[in-house]
Amino acid sequence: MVNILFCFLFLCCIYIPLDLTAQETKKLTLDDVLALAKSQSPDALKAKHRYRSNYWEYRSYKAGYLPSLSMDATIPDINRSISKVTLPDGSDAFIKRSLTNSTMNMALTKNIGLTGGQLFLSSGVQRLDNFTDSTVTSYLSTPINIGFRQPLLGYNQYRWEKKIEPLKYDEAKRQYLEDVEELSITAANLFFELLKAQVNIEINTINQANNDTLFKIAQGRYNLGKIAENELLQMELSLLNSNSDLEQSKIDYEVALFKMKSYLGIKDNEKIDLVLPTKLYEIQIDYKTALDQAKANRSDELAFEREKLEAQSAVNKSKAENRFNANLYAVYGLTQSAAGFTDVYKNPQDQQQFSIGVQIPILDWGVGKGKVKMAESNYDLVKTTVAQEEVDFEQEIFLNVMDFNMKKSQLLIAAKADTVGQKRFMVAKQRYLIGKIDITELNIAQSEKDVAKKSYFNALQSFWKGLYEMRKLTLFDFIENKAISFDYKLLQ
């Protein structure tokens, strides 16, 4: 007996602490869940990487207007071959060639956005080794070349990029804020789905306890002959149904818990107890204010402008490619050749190069004209589409404002109905216990109590979801009464 008792105590010491650890519960408020969603949910990471991609695209655009330095070299280019040459007497002959050619050039270039041209500064040196009976080495240097390339009548890509790229980046910043608000909507929905599952367990636990008590009372009344067997069986059926509902609510809770943990990236096995958000805000959103904020803050407004600019750019490009074009190329520099490297930079001679190339479409069987017409048609289509999207945009704001302003009153009504439903059931239960009403009326009161409770939590979820939808639609915080902002340096 002593050994058995010792083993029992030993096992208790091992398992009881483990069980207590497993029962630890972590309380989370709605703000806690939203903070977790914004910091570690998959949607938050996707939004961050989408923004980073657009940020580096914008950085690349800005860098394209800065001077760039490059170097290219060939060390060496070896050529051993037999080639045909023309001799001084006019006859052809094949001779052997054996030479190496080494070059190195450095160039500093700068794009000129205003004109669409390019300014460049270059320097280079070349060495040639000719292997015949004796090796002959020579050098050619270009200490400095200053040049300019300029399309005279062509499509200026830089001018259109200067209009479009900043818009795209501002649009990306606003899109990131909208993505964050969208994940807030998702996280809030998961929060309330889990909260409703948590409340359903509480409801069904209370109902199961009530039905168990009432069934035992009914058994006593049946034994005394005060109720019929039918009523007893109905009470037993209610108890069995409440047992089934309780088990199902536990399963629903585990499913909702898994979904929320998966979305928030929570990997531990801690139990979660959600805290009911009791603080509600007296918010009445004005349509004009919401529309003004949406136009000032949302990415859609910038997208509308960007789409029209991109269509205009396509029209300008198609027209430029279908008309007379000219390209100017001018270079001024210094050059020198010598047999030794130390002499190749002495007394350099100047060199100039100037050329204008023209391109004149003469006959293309309407290909260029067709491209112009397609671009113009697409521009008209974009304008029509954008105009319709702007109307839909304003209508979306109007409908959501109207819907949200009704949610608060619906929530207050649902809260009152929940209180009345709870009180009515308690009265019905007491009246049943003293025999004033039958089991059918009691079951109706219990069912209506449960419906009122669930309707309240549905209205609560709808209110918070509507608030975050308004935040996403306007990028405006109606509680703090200011535009939503973010320090984008944290993402870079």
Protein backbone atom coordinates (compact mmCIF):
# COMPACT_ATOMS: atom_id res chain seq x y z
CA MET A 1 0.00 0.00 0.00
CA VAL A 2 2.86 2.37 0.79
CA ASN A 3 4.41 1.72 -2.64
CA ILE A 4 1.08 2.28 -4.40
CA LEU A 5 0.51 5.53 -2.52
CA PHE A 6 4.04 6.71 -3.34
CA CYS A 7 3.54 6.00 -7.05
CA PHE A 8 0.23 7.84 -7.02
CA LEU A 9 1.78 10.93 -5.42
CA PHE A 10 4.70 10.80 -7.86
CA LEU A 11 2.41 10.70 -10.89
CA CYS A 12 0.37 13.59 -9.49
CA CYS A 13 3.52 15.68 -9.14
CA ILE A 14 4.35 14.99 -12.78
CA TYR A 15 0.98 15.38 -14.46
CA ILE A 16 -0.72 18.09 -12.44
CA PRO A 17 1.77 20.87 -13.41
CA LEU A 18 1.63 19.77 -17.03
CA ASP A 19 -2.14 19.94 -16.96
CA LEU A 20 -2.09 23.39 -15.42
CA THR A 21 0.29 24.57 -18.11
CA ALA A 22 -1.99 23.20 -20.80
CA GLN A 23 -4.91 25.11 -19.31
CA GLU A 24 -3.23 28.52 -19.46
CA THR A 25 -5.43 30.97 -21.33
CA LYS A 26 -4.34 34.02 -23.26
CA LYS A 27 -6.78 36.94 -23.31
CA LEU A 28 -6.96 38.92 -26.54
CA THR A 29 -8.86 42.10 -27.28
CA LEU A 30 -9.92 43.20 -30.76
CA ASP A 31 -6.99 45.67 -30.82
CA ASP A 32 -4.60 42.83 -29.92
CA VAL A 33 -5.86 40.71 -32.80
CA LEU A 34 -5.59 43.60 -35.26
CA ALA A 35 -2.04 44.35 -34.10
CA LEU A 36 -1.04 40.71 -34.60
CA ALA A 37 -2.65 40.67 -38.04
CA LYS A 38 -0.77 43.80 -39.12
CA SER A 39 2.58 42.50 -37.87
CA GLN A 40 2.68 38.80 -38.78
CA SER A 41 -0.29 37.66 -40.88
CA PRO A 42 0.39 36.40 -44.44
CA ASP A 43 -1.68 39.27 -45.87
CA ALA A 44 0.48 41.79 -44.00
CA LEU A 45 3.66 40.27 -45.47
CA LYS A 46 2.13 40.27 -48.96
CA ALA A 47 1.16 43.93 -48.63
CA LYS A 48 4.66 44.82 -47.44
CA HIS A 49 6.36 43.04 -50.33
CA ARG A 50 3.98 44.58 -52.88
CA TYR A 51 4.87 48.01 -51.54
CA ARG A 52 8.61 47.22 -51.59
CA SER A 53 8.37 46.14 -55.22
CA ASN A 54 6.74 49.44 -56.16
CA TYR A 55 9.22 51.37 -54.02
CA TRP A 56 12.23 49.90 -55.80
CA GLU A 57 10.56 50.44 -59.15
CA TYR A 58 10.22 54.12 -58.25
CA ARG A 59 13.82 54.23 -57.01
CA SER A 60 14.96 52.77 -60.32
CA TYR A 61 13.01 55.46 -62.17
CA LYS A 62 14.64 58.21 -60.07
CA ALA A 63 18.09 56.67 -60.50
CA GLY A 64 17.61 56.76 -64.26
CA TYR A 65 17.98 60.57 -64.15
CA LEU A 66 21.22 60.47 -62.17
CA PRO A 67 24.63 60.27 -63.85
CA SER A 68 25.78 56.68 -64.33
CA LEU A 69 29.36 55.53 -64.67
CA SER A 70 30.22 52.37 -66.55
CA MET A 71 33.30 50.60 -67.83
CA ASP A 72 33.68 48.04 -70.60
CA ALA A 73 36.88 46.28 -71.52
CA THR A 74 38.18 43.58 -73.83
CA ILE A 75 41.36 42.02 -72.46
CA PRO A 76 42.36 40.69 -74.95
CA ASP A 77 40.75 39.95 -78.32
CA ILE A 78 43.07 37.44 -80.05
CA ASN A 79 42.82 36.94 -83.80
CA ARG A 80 44.89 34.31 -85.65
CA SER A 81 43.42 33.76 -89.12
CA ILE A 82 43.92 33.82 -92.87
CA SER A 83 42.15 36.67 -94.59
CA LYS A 84 41.74 37.86 -98.14
CA VAL A 85 43.27 41.28 -98.86
CA THR A 86 43.71 43.45 -101.96
CA LEU A 87 47.34 44.15 -102.88
CA PRO A 88 48.61 47.49 -104.24
CA ASP A 89 48.58 46.13 -107.80
CA GLY A 90 44.85 45.40 -107.53
CA SER A 91 45.15 41.65 -107.15
CA ASP A 92 43.74 39.65 -104.23
CA ALA A 93 45.77 37.42 -101.98
CA PHE A 94 45.40 35.47 -98.74
CA ILE A 95 47.67 36.44 -95.88
CA LYS A 96 48.09 35.25 -92.35
CA ARG A 97 47.12 37.53 -89.50
CA SER A 98 48.13 37.21 -85.91
CA LEU A 99 47.21 40.04 -83.56
CA THR A 100 45.66 40.92 -80.23
CA ASN A 101 43.45 43.87 -79.53
CA SER A 102 42.82 45.14 -76.00
CA THR A 103 40.47 48.00 -75.18
CA MET A 104 39.15 49.73 -72.10
CA ASN A 105 36.55 52.50 -72.04
CA MET A 106 34.82 54.42 -69.27
CA ALA A 107 31.67 56.46 -69.82
CA LEU A 108 29.65 58.85 -67.71
CA THR A 109 26.10 59.32 -69.03
CA LYS A 110 23.18 61.51 -67.97
CA ASN A 111 19.62 61.33 -69.31
CA ILE A 112 17.97 64.67 -70.01
CA GLY A 113 14.31 64.33 -69.13
CA LEU A 114 13.22 67.66 -70.60
CA THR A 115 14.38 66.87 -74.13
CA GLY A 116 14.59 63.07 -74.04
CA GLY A 117 18.26 63.15 -75.01
CA GLN A 118 21.43 61.88 -73.40
CA LEU A 119 24.67 63.66 -72.52
CA PHE A 120 27.83 61.55 -72.20
CA LEU A 121 31.48 61.90 -71.28
CA SER A 122 33.89 59.09 -72.16
CA SER A 123 37.55 58.17 -72.09
CA GLY A 124 39.34 55.11 -73.41
CA VAL A 125 42.53 53.50 -74.58
CA GLN A 126 43.25 50.73 -77.10
CA ARG A 127 46.33 48.56 -77.58
CA LEU A 128 47.08 46.61 -80.76
CA ASP A 129 49.81 43.92 -80.95
CA ASN A 130 50.62 42.71 -84.47
CA PHE A 131 52.67 39.49 -84.47
CA THR A 132 54.64 39.23 -87.73
CA ASP A 133 58.37 38.59 -88.01
CA SER A 134 58.66 41.00 -85.12
CA THR A 135 55.97 42.19 -82.74
CA VAL A 136 54.67 45.67 -83.50
CA THR A 137 52.70 47.37 -80.71
CA SER A 138 50.71 50.56 -81.05
CA TYR A 139 48.30 52.51 -78.85
CA LEU A 140 45.29 54.69 -79.53
CA SER A 141 43.85 56.92 -76.83
CA THR A 142 40.76 59.10 -76.53
CA PRO A 143 41.51 61.08 -73.35
CA ILE A 144 38.11 62.73 -73.45
CA ASN A 145 35.00 62.67 -75.57
CA ILE A 146 31.98 64.88 -74.89
CA GLY A 147 28.85 64.01 -76.79
CA PHE A 148 25.13 64.42 -77.04
CA ARG A 149 22.37 62.20 -78.46
CA GLN A 150 19.00 63.78 -79.08
CA PRO A 151 15.86 62.62 -80.88
CA LEU A 152 14.48 65.77 -82.49
CA LEU A 153 10.86 64.88 -83.20
CA GLY A 154 10.46 61.48 -81.60
CA TYR A 155 8.57 60.15 -78.60
CA ASN A 156 9.98 61.53 -75.35
CA GLN A 157 9.72 58.62 -72.93
CA TYR A 158 11.28 60.57 -70.05
CA ARG A 159 8.67 63.35 -70.20
CA TRP A 160 5.81 60.88 -69.80
CA GLU A 161 7.62 58.89 -67.11
CA LYS A 162 8.02 62.10 -65.11
CA LYS A 163 4.22 62.42 -65.06
CA ILE A 164 3.30 58.76 -64.55
CA GLU A 165 5.93 57.26 -62.22
CA PRO A 166 5.36 59.59 -59.21
CA LEU A 167 1.63 58.89 -59.53
CA LYS A 168 2.29 55.15 -59.54
CA TYR A 169 4.39 55.42 -56.39
CA ASP A 170 1.82 57.55 -54.56
CA GLU A 171 -0.82 55.06 -55.67
CA ALA A 172 1.28 52.21 -54.25
CA LYS A 173 1.55 53.97 -50.88
CA ARG A 174 -2.19 54.44 -50.69
CA GLN A 175 -2.75 50.88 -51.87
CA TYR A 176 -0.62 49.65 -48.98
CA LEU A 177 -2.85 51.49 -46.50
CA GLU A 178 -5.91 49.97 -48.16
CA ASP A 179 -4.35 46.51 -47.95
CA VAL A 180 -3.76 47.03 -44.22
CA GLU A 181 -7.37 48.09 -43.72
CA GLU A 182 -8.52 45.08 -45.74
CA LEU A 183 -6.60 42.71 -43.49
CA SER A 184 -8.12 44.54 -40.51
CA ILE A 185 -11.55 43.66 -41.89
CA THR A 186 -10.51 40.02 -42.27
CA ALA A 187 -8.98 39.89 -38.78
CA ALA A 188 -12.04 41.55 -37.23
CA ASN A 189 -14.32 39.00 -38.92
CA LEU A 190 -12.19 36.12 -37.61
CA PHE A 191 -12.23 37.72 -34.15
CA PHE A 192 -16.02 37.92 -34.06
CA GLU A 193 -16.49 34.46 -35.58
CA LEU A 194 -14.37 33.04 -32.76
CA LEU A 195 -16.12 35.27 -30.21
CA LYS A 196 -19.53 34.05 -31.41
CA ALA A 197 -18.31 30.45 -31.20
CA GLN A 198 -17.08 31.19 -27.67
CA VAL A 199 -20.46 32.71 -26.75
CA ASN A 200 -22.31 29.77 -28.31
CA ILE A 201 -20.47 27.44 -25.94
CA GLU A 202 -21.56 29.61 -23.03
CA ILE A 203 -25.17 29.68 -24.29
CA ASN A 204 -25.30 25.93 -24.86
CA THR A 205 -23.62 25.20 -21.53
CA ILE A 206 -26.27 27.26 -19.72
CA ASN A 207 -29.05 25.67 -21.78
CA GLN A 208 -27.72 22.19 -21.05
CA ALA A 209 -27.61 22.92 -17.32
CA ASN A 210 -31.11 24.42 -17.40
CA ASN A 211 -32.54 21.49 -19.36
CA ASP A 212 -30.83 19.01 -17.06
CA THR A 213 -32.37 20.71 -14.00
CA LEU A 214 -35.78 20.96 -15.64
CA PHE A 215 -35.67 17.32 -16.71
CA LYS A 216 -34.95 16.20 -13.15
CA ILE A 217 -37.83 18.36 -11.91
CA ALA A 218 -40.07 16.90 -14.62
CA GLN A 219 -39.11 13.38 -13.54
CA GLY A 220 -40.22 14.21 -10.00
CA ARG A 221 -43.50 15.69 -11.24
CA TYR A 222 -44.12 12.71 -13.48
CA ASN A 223 -43.57 10.32 -10.58
CA LEU A 224 -46.14 12.32 -8.59
CA GLY A 225 -48.55 12.19 -11.52
CA LYS A 226 -48.59 15.95 -12.06
CA ILE A 227 -47.47 15.89 -15.72
CA ALA A 228 -48.07 13.54 -18.59
CA GLU A 229 -45.41 11.27 -20.08
CA ASN A 230 -45.44 13.34 -23.27
CA GLU A 231 -44.14 16.40 -21.39
CA LEU A 232 -41.46 14.32 -19.71
CA LEU A 233 -40.34 12.96 -23.06
CA GLN A 234 -40.27 16.47 -24.50
CA MET A 235 -38.05 17.59 -21.63
CA GLU A 236 -35.75 14.64 -22.22
CA LEU A 237 -35.59 15.45 -25.91
CA SER A 238 -34.70 19.06 -25.06
CA LEU A 239 -31.89 17.81 -22.82
CA LEU A 240 -30.54 15.52 -25.53
CA ASN A 241 -30.67 18.32 -28.09
CA SER A 242 -28.87 20.69 -25.73
CA ASN A 243 -26.15 18.06 -25.18
CA SER A 244 -25.75 17.73 -28.96
CA ASP A 245 -25.70 21.51 -29.44
CA LEU A 246 -23.00 21.86 -26.77
CA GLU A 247 -20.76 19.30 -28.44
CA GLN A 248 -21.28 20.90 -31.86
CA SER A 249 -20.50 24.37 -30.47
CA LYS A 250 -17.20 23.03 -29.12
CA ILE A 251 -16.30 21.72 -32.56
CA ASP A 252 -17.29 25.04 -34.16
CA TYR A 253 -15.10 26.85 -31.63
CA GLU A 254 -12.06 24.72 -32.49
CA VAL A 255 -12.59 25.36 -36.22
CA ALA A 256 -12.90 29.14 -35.66
CA LEU A 257 -9.86 29.08 -33.35
CA PHE A 258 -7.78 27.25 -35.95
CA LYS A 259 -8.74 29.74 -38.68
CA MET A 260 -7.84 32.74 -36.56
CA LYS A 261 -4.53 31.25 -35.34
CA SER A 262 -3.63 30.30 -38.90
CA TYR A 263 -4.31 33.82 -40.19
CA LEU A 264 -2.47 35.52 -37.33
CA GLY A 265 0.49 33.18 -37.55
CA ILE A 266 0.06 31.91 -33.96
CA LYS A 267 1.80 28.54 -33.64
CA ASP A 268 1.56 27.81 -29.91
CA ASN A 269 -1.19 25.71 -28.32
CA GLU A 270 -2.30 28.36 -25.85
CA LYS A 271 -6.01 28.65 -25.32
CA ILE A 272 -7.45 31.99 -26.33
CA ASP A 273 -10.15 33.88 -24.50
CA LEU A 274 -11.47 36.83 -26.47
CA VAL A 275 -12.51 39.98 -24.64
CA LEU A 276 -15.80 41.53 -25.76
CA PRO A 277 -15.23 45.06 -27.16
CA THR A 278 -17.54 47.10 -24.94
CA LYS A 279 -16.43 50.58 -26.00
CA LEU A 280 -18.58 51.83 -28.84
CA TYR A 281 -18.26 55.15 -30.54
CA GLU A 282 -20.94 57.71 -31.20
CA ILE A 283 -20.09 58.03 -34.88
CA GLN A 284 -22.39 59.55 -37.49
CA ILE A 285 -20.57 59.74 -40.80
CA ASP A 286 -21.40 62.60 -43.16
CA TYR A 287 -21.50 61.58 -46.83
CA LYS A 288 -19.78 64.72 -48.14
CA THR A 289 -16.97 64.38 -45.60
CA ALA A 290 -16.52 60.71 -46.49
CA LEU A 291 -16.50 61.47 -50.24
CA ASP A 292 -14.01 64.33 -49.87
CA GLN A 293 -11.69 62.17 -47.79
CA ALA A 294 -11.98 59.27 -50.22
CA LYS A 295 -11.08 61.48 -53.17
CA ALA A 296 -8.17 62.98 -51.26
CA ASN A 297 -6.79 59.72 -49.85
CA ARG A 298 -7.77 56.66 -51.88
CA SER A 299 -5.58 55.06 -54.52
CA ASP A 300 -8.47 54.90 -57.00
CA GLU A 301 -8.34 58.64 -57.65
CA LEU A 302 -4.66 58.40 -58.58
CA ALA A 303 -5.34 55.27 -60.62
CA PHE A 304 -7.96 57.12 -62.68
CA GLU A 305 -5.46 59.88 -63.51
CA ARG A 306 -2.64 57.41 -64.19
CA GLU A 307 -4.75 55.35 -66.61
CA LYS A 308 -5.62 58.45 -68.64
CA LEU A 309 -1.97 59.58 -68.75
CA GLU A 310 -0.83 56.12 -69.88
CA ALA A 311 -3.42 56.15 -72.67
CA GLN A 312 -2.31 59.66 -73.71
CA SER A 313 1.30 58.47 -73.73
CA ALA A 314 0.38 55.58 -76.04
CA VAL A 315 -1.32 57.99 -78.43
CA ASN A 316 1.71 60.31 -78.45
CA LYS A 317 4.07 57.38 -79.08
CA SER A 318 2.04 55.97 -81.98
CA LYS A 319 1.86 59.41 -83.62
CA ALA A 320 5.60 60.03 -83.18
CA GLU A 321 6.45 56.70 -84.78
CA ASN A 322 4.24 57.44 -87.79
CA ARG A 323 5.79 60.73 -88.85
CA PHE A 324 9.10 62.28 -89.93
CA ASN A 325 11.74 61.70 -87.25
CA ALA A 326 15.33 62.89 -86.86
CA ASN A 327 18.12 62.02 -84.46
CA LEU A 328 21.07 64.26 -83.69
CA TYR A 329 24.45 62.91 -82.64
CA ALA A 330 27.40 65.19 -81.85
CA VAL A 331 30.80 64.43 -80.31
CA TYR A 332 33.88 66.53 -79.61
CA GLY A 333 37.02 65.03 -78.15
CA LEU A 334 40.75 64.45 -78.24
CA THR A 335 42.70 61.51 -79.64
CA GLN A 336 46.29 60.36 -80.22
CA SER A 337 48.18 57.30 -81.36
CA ALA A 338 51.73 56.24 -80.48
CA ALA A 339 54.01 53.26 -80.36
CA GLY A 340 54.50 53.57 -76.58
CA PHE A 341 51.99 53.98 -73.80
CA THR A 342 53.87 56.96 -72.32
CA ASP A 343 53.51 58.87 -75.59
CA VAL A 344 49.88 58.15 -76.35
CA TYR A 345 48.61 61.05 -74.21
CA LYS A 346 51.14 63.62 -75.50
CA ASN A 347 49.91 66.39 -77.77
CA PRO A 348 46.47 64.90 -78.45
CA GLN A 349 44.66 65.99 -81.60
CA ASP A 350 41.06 67.11 -81.57
CA GLN A 351 38.33 65.15 -83.29
CA GLN A 352 34.71 66.00 -84.08
CA GLN A 353 31.75 64.00 -85.20
CA PHE A 354 28.32 65.35 -86.07
CA SER A 355 25.43 63.54 -87.69
CA ILE A 356 21.69 63.87 -88.16
CA GLY A 357 19.78 60.75 -89.09
CA VAL A 358 16.29 60.98 -90.49
CA GLN A 359 13.48 58.47 -90.75
CA ILE A 360 10.65 59.16 -93.18
CA PRO A 361 7.71 56.76 -93.52
CA ILE A 362 6.79 56.60 -97.21
CA LEU A 363 4.59 53.57 -97.67
CA ASP A 364 3.43 51.22 -94.89
CA TRP A 365 -0.03 50.33 -96.21
CA GLY A 366 -1.76 52.05 -93.29
CA VAL A 367 0.05 50.18 -90.49
CA GLY A 368 1.15 53.38 -88.72
CA LYS A 369 -2.23 55.03 -89.18
CA GLY A 370 -3.91 51.94 -87.77
CA LYS A 371 -1.73 52.05 -84.68
CA VAL A 372 -2.62 55.72 -84.15
CA LYS A 373 -6.34 55.01 -84.50
CA MET A 374 -6.13 52.07 -82.10
CA ALA A 375 -4.30 54.18 -79.52
CA GLU A 376 -6.85 57.01 -79.87
CA SER A 377 -9.73 54.56 -79.57
CA ASN A 378 -8.18 53.03 -76.48
CA TYR A 379 -7.77 56.51 -74.98
CA ASP A 380 -11.47 57.26 -75.56
CA LEU A 381 -12.35 53.89 -74.01
CA VAL A 382 -10.20 54.63 -70.96
CA LYS A 383 -11.86 58.03 -70.50
CA THR A 384 -15.33 56.44 -70.70
CA THR A 385 -14.36 53.64 -68.31
CA VAL A 386 -12.79 56.05 -65.83
CA ALA A 387 -15.87 58.31 -65.94
CA GLN A 388 -18.09 55.31 -65.10
CA GLU A 389 -15.70 54.16 -62.37
CA GLU A 390 -15.83 57.63 -60.81
CA VAL A 391 -19.64 57.44 -60.69
CA ASP A 392 -19.48 53.95 -59.18
CA PHE A 393 -16.87 55.22 -56.73
CA GLU A 394 -19.18 57.96 -55.44
CA GLN A 395 -22.13 55.56 -55.28
CA GLU A 396 -20.08 53.05 -53.31
CA ILE A 397 -19.21 55.72 -50.75
CA PHE A 398 -22.86 56.84 -50.51
CA LEU A 399 -24.21 53.31 -49.98
CA ASN A 400 -21.58 52.41 -47.40
CA VAL A 401 -22.17 55.63 -45.45
CA MET A 402 -25.92 54.97 -45.37
CA ASP A 403 -25.35 51.35 -44.36
CA PHE A 404 -22.93 52.21 -41.57
CA ASN A 405 -25.13 54.91 -40.08
CA MET A 406 -27.88 52.29 -39.72
CA LYS A 407 -25.61 49.74 -38.08
CA LYS A 408 -25.32 51.70 -34.82
CA SER A 409 -29.10 51.89 -34.34
CA GLN A 410 -29.40 48.22 -35.27
CA LEU A 411 -26.78 47.38 -32.66
CA LEU A 412 -28.64 49.32 -29.95
CA ILE A 413 -31.88 47.55 -30.86
CA ALA A 414 -30.15 44.16 -30.79
CA ALA A 415 -28.62 44.92 -27.37
CA LYS A 416 -32.06 45.85 -25.99
CA ALA A 417 -33.60 42.72 -27.53
CA ASP A 418 -30.90 40.59 -25.91
CA THR A 419 -31.66 42.07 -22.48
CA VAL A 420 -35.41 41.58 -22.96
CA GLY A 421 -34.92 38.03 -24.21
CA GLN A 422 -32.81 37.08 -21.19
CA LYS A 423 -35.37 38.59 -18.78
CA ARG A 424 -38.31 36.95 -20.56
CA PHE A 425 -36.70 33.53 -20.32
CA MET A 426 -36.04 33.92 -16.59
CA VAL A 427 -39.69 34.88 -16.06
CA ALA A 428 -40.88 31.98 -18.22
CA LYS A 429 -38.64 29.57 -16.34
CA GLN A 430 -40.07 30.68 -12.98
CA ARG A 431 -43.62 30.45 -14.32
CA TYR A 432 -42.92 26.96 -15.61
CA LEU A 433 -41.56 25.88 -12.24
CA ILE A 434 -44.77 26.94 -10.53
CA GLY A 435 -46.89 25.35 -13.24
CA LYS A 436 -48.29 28.50 -14.85
CA ILE A 437 -47.07 27.68 -18.42
CA ASP A 438 -46.30 24.46 -20.27
CA ILE A 439 -43.02 23.24 -21.70
CA THR A 440 -43.81 24.53 -25.20
CA GLU A 441 -43.92 28.15 -24.05
CA LEU A 442 -40.72 27.65 -22.07
CA ASN A 443 -38.94 26.24 -25.14
CA ILE A 444 -40.12 29.19 -27.22
CA ALA A 445 -38.79 31.63 -24.61
CA GLN A 446 -35.44 29.82 -24.54
CA SER A 447 -35.18 29.76 -28.33
CA GLU A 448 -35.99 33.46 -28.60
CA LYS A 449 -33.45 34.23 -25.87
CA ASP A 450 -30.74 32.42 -27.85
CA VAL A 451 -31.73 34.10 -31.11
CA ALA A 452 -31.62 37.54 -29.44
CA LYS A 453 -28.16 36.83 -27.99
CA LYS A 454 -26.80 35.67 -31.36
CA SER A 455 -28.43 38.62 -33.15
CA TYR A 456 -26.68 41.00 -30.77
CA PHE A 457 -23.26 39.53 -31.54
CA ASN A 458 -24.02 39.54 -35.27
CA ALA A 459 -24.94 43.23 -35.01
CA LEU A 460 -21.76 43.89 -33.03
CA GLN A 461 -19.68 42.18 -35.73
CA SER A 462 -21.51 44.11 -38.45
CA PHE A 463 -20.82 47.42 -36.69
CA TRP A 464 -17.08 46.86 -36.39
CA LYS A 465 -16.81 45.43 -39.87
CA GLY A 466 -18.65 48.47 -41.23
CA LEU A 467 -16.29 50.81 -39.37
CA TYR A 468 -13.20 49.18 -40.88
CA GLU A 469 -14.80 49.11 -44.32
CA MET A 470 -15.35 52.87 -44.07
CA ARG A 471 -11.72 53.27 -43.04
CA LYS A 472 -10.61 51.32 -46.11
CA LEU A 473 -12.94 53.22 -48.46
CA THR A 474 -11.80 56.65 -47.27
CA LEU A 475 -8.41 56.02 -45.60
CA PHE A 476 -9.76 58.24 -42.85
CA ASP A 477 -9.96 57.51 -39.10
CA PHE A 478 -13.43 58.67 -38.07
CA ILE A 479 -12.66 58.06 -34.38
CA GLU A 480 -9.53 60.23 -34.30
CA ASN A 481 -10.93 62.47 -37.07
CA LYS A 482 -7.76 62.43 -39.16
CA ALA A 483 -6.40 60.80 -42.31
CA ILE A 484 -4.72 57.42 -41.87
CA SER A 485 -0.95 57.69 -42.29
CA PHE A 486 2.08 55.44 -42.04
CA ASP A 487 5.86 55.80 -41.80
CA TYR A 488 6.88 54.04 -45.02
CA LYS A 489 10.55 54.07 -44.03
CA LEU A 490 9.70 51.12 -41.75
CA LEU A 491 9.01 49.03 -44.86
CA GLN A 492 12.16 49.93 -46.77
